[in-house]
Amino acid sequence: GGGQPETVDENLTEITSPIVGTFYATPSPDSDPYVEVGTIVNPQTVVCIIEAMKVLNEIKAETSGTIVELLVTSGQAVEYGQPLFKVKPE
């Protein structure tokens, strides 16, 4: 056996930021992250918070699948449309 590893990059979905603000992976500093690599999400799953002008906005996955990569770190400033997570679709 031992075939080539499959490349799935072109099949991945990105969860992008709908707003400009500050990315937070956890609901509060001493809490667990909303999602991690391996977390299965659906469109209603909250994946992070983005704070904009002192308002905490819960960001939903809006897709179904498994989180395969985290692209930003907690406390990082993000732009509109910036990829936050990579998801392998169900």
N, C-alpha and C. Protein backbone atom coordinates (compact mmCIF):
# COMPACT_ATOMS: atom_id res chain seq x y z
N GLY A 1 0.82 -1.21 0.00
CA GLY A 1 0.00 0.00 0.00
C GLY A 1 0.84 1.24 0.00
N GLY A 2 0.41 2.23 0.78
CA GLY A 2 1.15 3.48 0.90
C GLY A 2 1.01 4.36 -0.30
N GLY A 3 -0.23 4.80 -0.58
CA GLY A 3 -0.44 5.72 -1.70
C GLY A 3 -0.08 7.13 -1.31
N GLN A 4 -0.27 8.02 -2.23
CA GLN A 4 -0.01 9.43 -1.94
C GLN A 4 -1.07 9.96 -0.98
N PRO A 5 -0.65 10.84 -0.05
CA PRO A 5 -1.67 11.46 0.81
C PRO A 5 -2.62 12.31 -0.04
N GLU A 6 -3.88 12.28 0.31
CA GLU A 6 -4.85 13.06 -0.45
C GLU A 6 -4.69 14.55 -0.15
N THR A 7 -4.79 15.35 -1.18
CA THR A 7 -4.80 16.79 -0.96
C THR A 7 -6.26 17.25 -0.97
N VAL A 8 -6.68 17.83 0.13
CA VAL A 8 -8.09 18.21 0.27
C VAL A 8 -8.25 19.73 0.32
N ASP A 9 -7.15 20.45 0.16
CA ASP A 9 -7.20 21.90 0.33
C ASP A 9 -8.26 22.56 -0.54
N GLU A 10 -8.36 22.10 -1.79
CA GLU A 10 -9.30 22.77 -2.69
C GLU A 10 -10.75 22.47 -2.32
N ASN A 11 -10.96 21.50 -1.44
CA ASN A 11 -12.32 21.16 -1.02
C ASN A 11 -12.72 21.84 0.29
N LEU A 12 -11.79 22.58 0.89
CA LEU A 12 -12.09 23.16 2.18
C LEU A 12 -12.92 24.44 2.05
N THR A 13 -13.75 24.67 3.06
CA THR A 13 -14.55 25.88 3.15
C THR A 13 -13.89 26.79 4.18
N GLU A 14 -13.93 28.08 3.94
CA GLU A 14 -13.41 29.03 4.93
C GLU A 14 -14.57 29.73 5.62
N ILE A 15 -14.44 29.87 6.94
CA ILE A 15 -15.35 30.75 7.69
C ILE A 15 -14.65 32.09 7.75
N THR A 16 -15.30 33.12 7.22
CA THR A 16 -14.67 34.44 7.16
C THR A 16 -15.37 35.40 8.11
N SER A 17 -14.66 36.46 8.44
CA SER A 17 -15.21 37.46 9.35
C SER A 17 -16.22 38.34 8.63
N PRO A 18 -17.42 38.48 9.19
CA PRO A 18 -18.43 39.34 8.55
C PRO A 18 -18.25 40.82 8.90
N ILE A 19 -17.33 41.12 9.82
CA ILE A 19 -17.14 42.49 10.28
C ILE A 19 -15.67 42.74 10.57
N VAL A 20 -15.33 44.02 10.71
CA VAL A 20 -14.00 44.41 11.18
C VAL A 20 -14.05 44.48 12.70
N GLY A 21 -13.06 43.89 13.36
CA GLY A 21 -13.05 43.95 14.81
C GLY A 21 -11.92 43.12 15.39
N THR A 22 -12.09 42.75 16.66
CA THR A 22 -11.08 41.96 17.36
C THR A 22 -11.62 40.56 17.59
N PHE A 23 -10.84 39.57 17.16
CA PHE A 23 -11.25 38.16 17.23
C PHE A 23 -10.98 37.59 18.61
N TYR A 24 -11.97 36.92 19.18
CA TYR A 24 -11.78 36.18 20.42
C TYR A 24 -12.26 34.75 20.24
N ALA A 25 -11.40 33.81 20.58
CA ALA A 25 -11.71 32.39 20.39
C ALA A 25 -12.55 31.84 21.54
N THR A 26 -12.61 32.58 22.66
CA THR A 26 -13.29 32.08 23.86
C THR A 26 -14.34 33.08 24.31
N PRO A 27 -15.38 32.60 25.00
CA PRO A 27 -16.40 33.53 25.50
C PRO A 27 -15.88 34.44 26.61
N SER A 28 -14.87 33.97 27.36
CA SER A 28 -14.22 34.81 28.37
C SER A 28 -12.80 34.28 28.56
N PRO A 29 -11.92 35.10 29.14
CA PRO A 29 -10.49 34.72 29.16
C PRO A 29 -10.18 33.36 29.80
N ASP A 30 -11.02 32.92 30.74
CA ASP A 30 -10.72 31.65 31.43
C ASP A 30 -11.59 30.50 30.93
N SER A 31 -12.22 30.70 29.78
CA SER A 31 -13.08 29.66 29.23
C SER A 31 -12.38 28.88 28.14
N ASP A 32 -12.95 27.71 27.81
CA ASP A 32 -12.45 26.94 26.68
C ASP A 32 -12.85 27.62 25.38
N PRO A 33 -12.08 27.39 24.31
CA PRO A 33 -12.46 27.95 23.01
C PRO A 33 -13.81 27.41 22.56
N TYR A 34 -14.50 28.22 21.75
CA TYR A 34 -15.76 27.76 21.17
C TYR A 34 -15.52 26.50 20.32
N VAL A 35 -14.49 26.57 19.49
CA VAL A 35 -14.18 25.44 18.61
C VAL A 35 -12.67 25.25 18.55
N GLU A 36 -12.26 24.03 18.24
CA GLU A 36 -10.86 23.71 18.06
C GLU A 36 -10.75 22.84 16.82
N VAL A 37 -9.51 22.54 16.41
CA VAL A 37 -9.34 21.61 15.30
C VAL A 37 -10.00 20.29 15.67
N GLY A 38 -10.86 19.79 14.80
CA GLY A 38 -11.58 18.55 15.06
C GLY A 38 -13.01 18.76 15.51
N THR A 39 -13.36 20.01 15.88
CA THR A 39 -14.73 20.30 16.28
C THR A 39 -15.65 20.21 15.07
N ILE A 40 -16.78 19.53 15.24
CA ILE A 40 -17.79 19.45 14.18
C ILE A 40 -18.77 20.59 14.38
N VAL A 41 -18.99 21.35 13.32
CA VAL A 41 -19.88 22.51 13.40
C VAL A 41 -21.05 22.36 12.44
N ASN A 42 -22.12 23.11 12.72
CA ASN A 42 -23.23 23.24 11.80
C ASN A 42 -23.48 24.74 11.60
N PRO A 43 -24.39 25.12 10.71
CA PRO A 43 -24.54 26.56 10.44
C PRO A 43 -24.86 27.42 11.66
N GLN A 44 -25.44 26.82 12.69
CA GLN A 44 -25.82 27.59 13.87
C GLN A 44 -24.76 27.57 14.98
N THR A 45 -23.67 26.84 14.75
CA THR A 45 -22.61 26.76 15.77
C THR A 45 -21.88 28.09 15.88
N VAL A 46 -21.78 28.61 17.12
CA VAL A 46 -20.98 29.81 17.35
C VAL A 46 -19.51 29.38 17.37
N VAL A 47 -18.70 30.02 16.52
CA VAL A 47 -17.30 29.62 16.40
C VAL A 47 -16.35 30.60 17.09
N CYS A 48 -16.80 31.84 17.29
CA CYS A 48 -15.94 32.83 17.93
C CYS A 48 -16.76 34.06 18.25
N ILE A 49 -16.11 35.03 18.88
CA ILE A 49 -16.69 36.35 19.09
C ILE A 49 -15.81 37.36 18.37
N ILE A 50 -16.41 38.34 17.74
CA ILE A 50 -15.66 39.47 17.22
C ILE A 50 -16.21 40.73 17.87
N GLU A 51 -15.32 41.44 18.55
CA GLU A 51 -15.71 42.67 19.22
C GLU A 51 -15.51 43.85 18.28
N ALA A 52 -16.59 44.60 18.08
CA ALA A 52 -16.54 45.79 17.24
C ALA A 52 -17.20 46.92 17.99
N MET A 53 -16.47 47.98 18.22
CA MET A 53 -17.01 49.15 18.92
C MET A 53 -17.69 48.76 20.23
N LYS A 54 -16.98 47.95 21.00
CA LYS A 54 -17.41 47.52 22.34
C LYS A 54 -18.61 46.57 22.33
N VAL A 55 -19.02 46.13 21.15
CA VAL A 55 -20.11 45.18 21.04
C VAL A 55 -19.52 43.81 20.72
N LEU A 56 -19.93 42.78 21.49
CA LEU A 56 -19.47 41.42 21.25
C LEU A 56 -20.43 40.72 20.30
N ASN A 57 -19.94 40.36 19.13
CA ASN A 57 -20.77 39.73 18.11
C ASN A 57 -20.42 38.25 18.03
N GLU A 58 -21.42 37.39 18.30
CA GLU A 58 -21.19 35.95 18.15
C GLU A 58 -21.21 35.61 16.67
N ILE A 59 -20.16 34.97 16.21
CA ILE A 59 -20.03 34.62 14.79
C ILE A 59 -20.37 33.14 14.63
N LYS A 60 -21.30 32.86 13.74
CA LYS A 60 -21.72 31.48 13.50
C LYS A 60 -21.01 30.91 12.29
N ALA A 61 -20.90 29.58 12.28
CA ALA A 61 -20.15 28.91 11.21
C ALA A 61 -20.78 29.13 9.84
N GLU A 62 -22.12 29.10 9.79
CA GLU A 62 -22.87 29.23 8.54
C GLU A 62 -22.48 28.16 7.52
N THR A 63 -21.92 27.07 8.01
CA THR A 63 -21.57 25.93 7.17
C THR A 63 -21.51 24.70 8.05
N SER A 64 -21.50 23.53 7.45
CA SER A 64 -21.40 22.28 8.21
C SER A 64 -20.12 21.56 7.85
N GLY A 65 -19.48 20.99 8.86
CA GLY A 65 -18.26 20.24 8.60
C GLY A 65 -17.40 20.17 9.85
N THR A 66 -16.11 19.89 9.64
CA THR A 66 -15.16 19.74 10.74
C THR A 66 -14.08 20.81 10.62
N ILE A 67 -13.81 21.50 11.73
CA ILE A 67 -12.75 22.49 11.75
C ILE A 67 -11.41 21.78 11.55
N VAL A 68 -10.65 22.22 10.55
CA VAL A 68 -9.36 21.60 10.29
C VAL A 68 -8.18 22.54 10.52
N GLU A 69 -8.45 23.84 10.58
CA GLU A 69 -7.36 24.78 10.80
C GLU A 69 -7.90 26.07 11.39
N LEU A 70 -7.14 26.62 12.36
CA LEU A 70 -7.44 27.92 12.92
C LEU A 70 -6.46 28.91 12.30
N LEU A 71 -6.98 29.99 11.73
CA LEU A 71 -6.15 30.91 10.95
C LEU A 71 -5.78 32.17 11.71
N VAL A 72 -6.46 32.43 12.82
CA VAL A 72 -6.18 33.64 13.61
C VAL A 72 -6.09 33.25 15.08
N THR A 73 -5.50 34.14 15.87
CA THR A 73 -5.35 33.88 17.30
C THR A 73 -6.20 34.87 18.09
N SER A 74 -6.56 34.48 19.30
CA SER A 74 -7.42 35.30 20.14
C SER A 74 -6.75 36.65 20.40
N GLY A 75 -7.55 37.72 20.28
CA GLY A 75 -7.05 39.05 20.50
C GLY A 75 -6.53 39.72 19.24
N GLN A 76 -6.53 38.99 18.14
CA GLN A 76 -6.02 39.52 16.87
C GLN A 76 -7.09 40.37 16.19
N ALA A 77 -6.66 41.49 15.60
CA ALA A 77 -7.56 42.32 14.81
C ALA A 77 -7.81 41.65 13.48
N VAL A 78 -9.07 41.60 13.07
CA VAL A 78 -9.42 40.97 11.79
C VAL A 78 -10.16 41.97 10.91
N GLU A 79 -10.03 41.75 9.61
CA GLU A 79 -10.68 42.60 8.62
C GLU A 79 -11.95 41.93 8.12
N TYR A 80 -12.80 42.72 7.50
CA TYR A 80 -13.99 42.17 6.86
C TYR A 80 -13.56 41.16 5.79
N GLY A 81 -14.16 39.96 5.83
CA GLY A 81 -13.88 38.95 4.83
C GLY A 81 -12.62 38.13 5.09
N GLN A 82 -11.93 38.42 6.19
CA GLN A 82 -10.70 37.68 6.49
C GLN A 82 -11.02 36.25 6.92
N PRO A 83 -10.34 35.26 6.35
CA PRO A 83 -10.59 33.88 6.77
C PRO A 83 -10.18 33.65 8.23
N LEU A 84 -11.07 33.01 8.98
CA LEU A 84 -10.83 32.74 10.39
C LEU A 84 -10.54 31.26 10.65
N PHE A 85 -11.29 30.40 9.95
CA PHE A 85 -11.17 28.96 10.14
C PHE A 85 -11.25 28.29 8.77
N LYS A 86 -10.65 27.10 8.69
CA LYS A 86 -10.87 26.25 7.53
C LYS A 86 -11.69 25.05 7.98
N VAL A 87 -12.69 24.71 7.17
CA VAL A 87 -13.64 23.65 7.49
C VAL A 87 -13.62 22.62 6.37
N LYS A 88 -13.55 21.35 6.77
CA LYS A 88 -13.72 20.28 5.79
C LYS A 88 -15.21 19.95 5.75
N PRO A 89 -15.88 20.18 4.62
CA PRO A 89 -17.33 19.98 4.57
C PRO A 89 -17.71 18.54 4.86
N GLU A 90 -18.93 18.37 5.39
CA GLU A 90 -19.43 17.04 5.68
C GLU A 90 -19.58 16.24 4.40
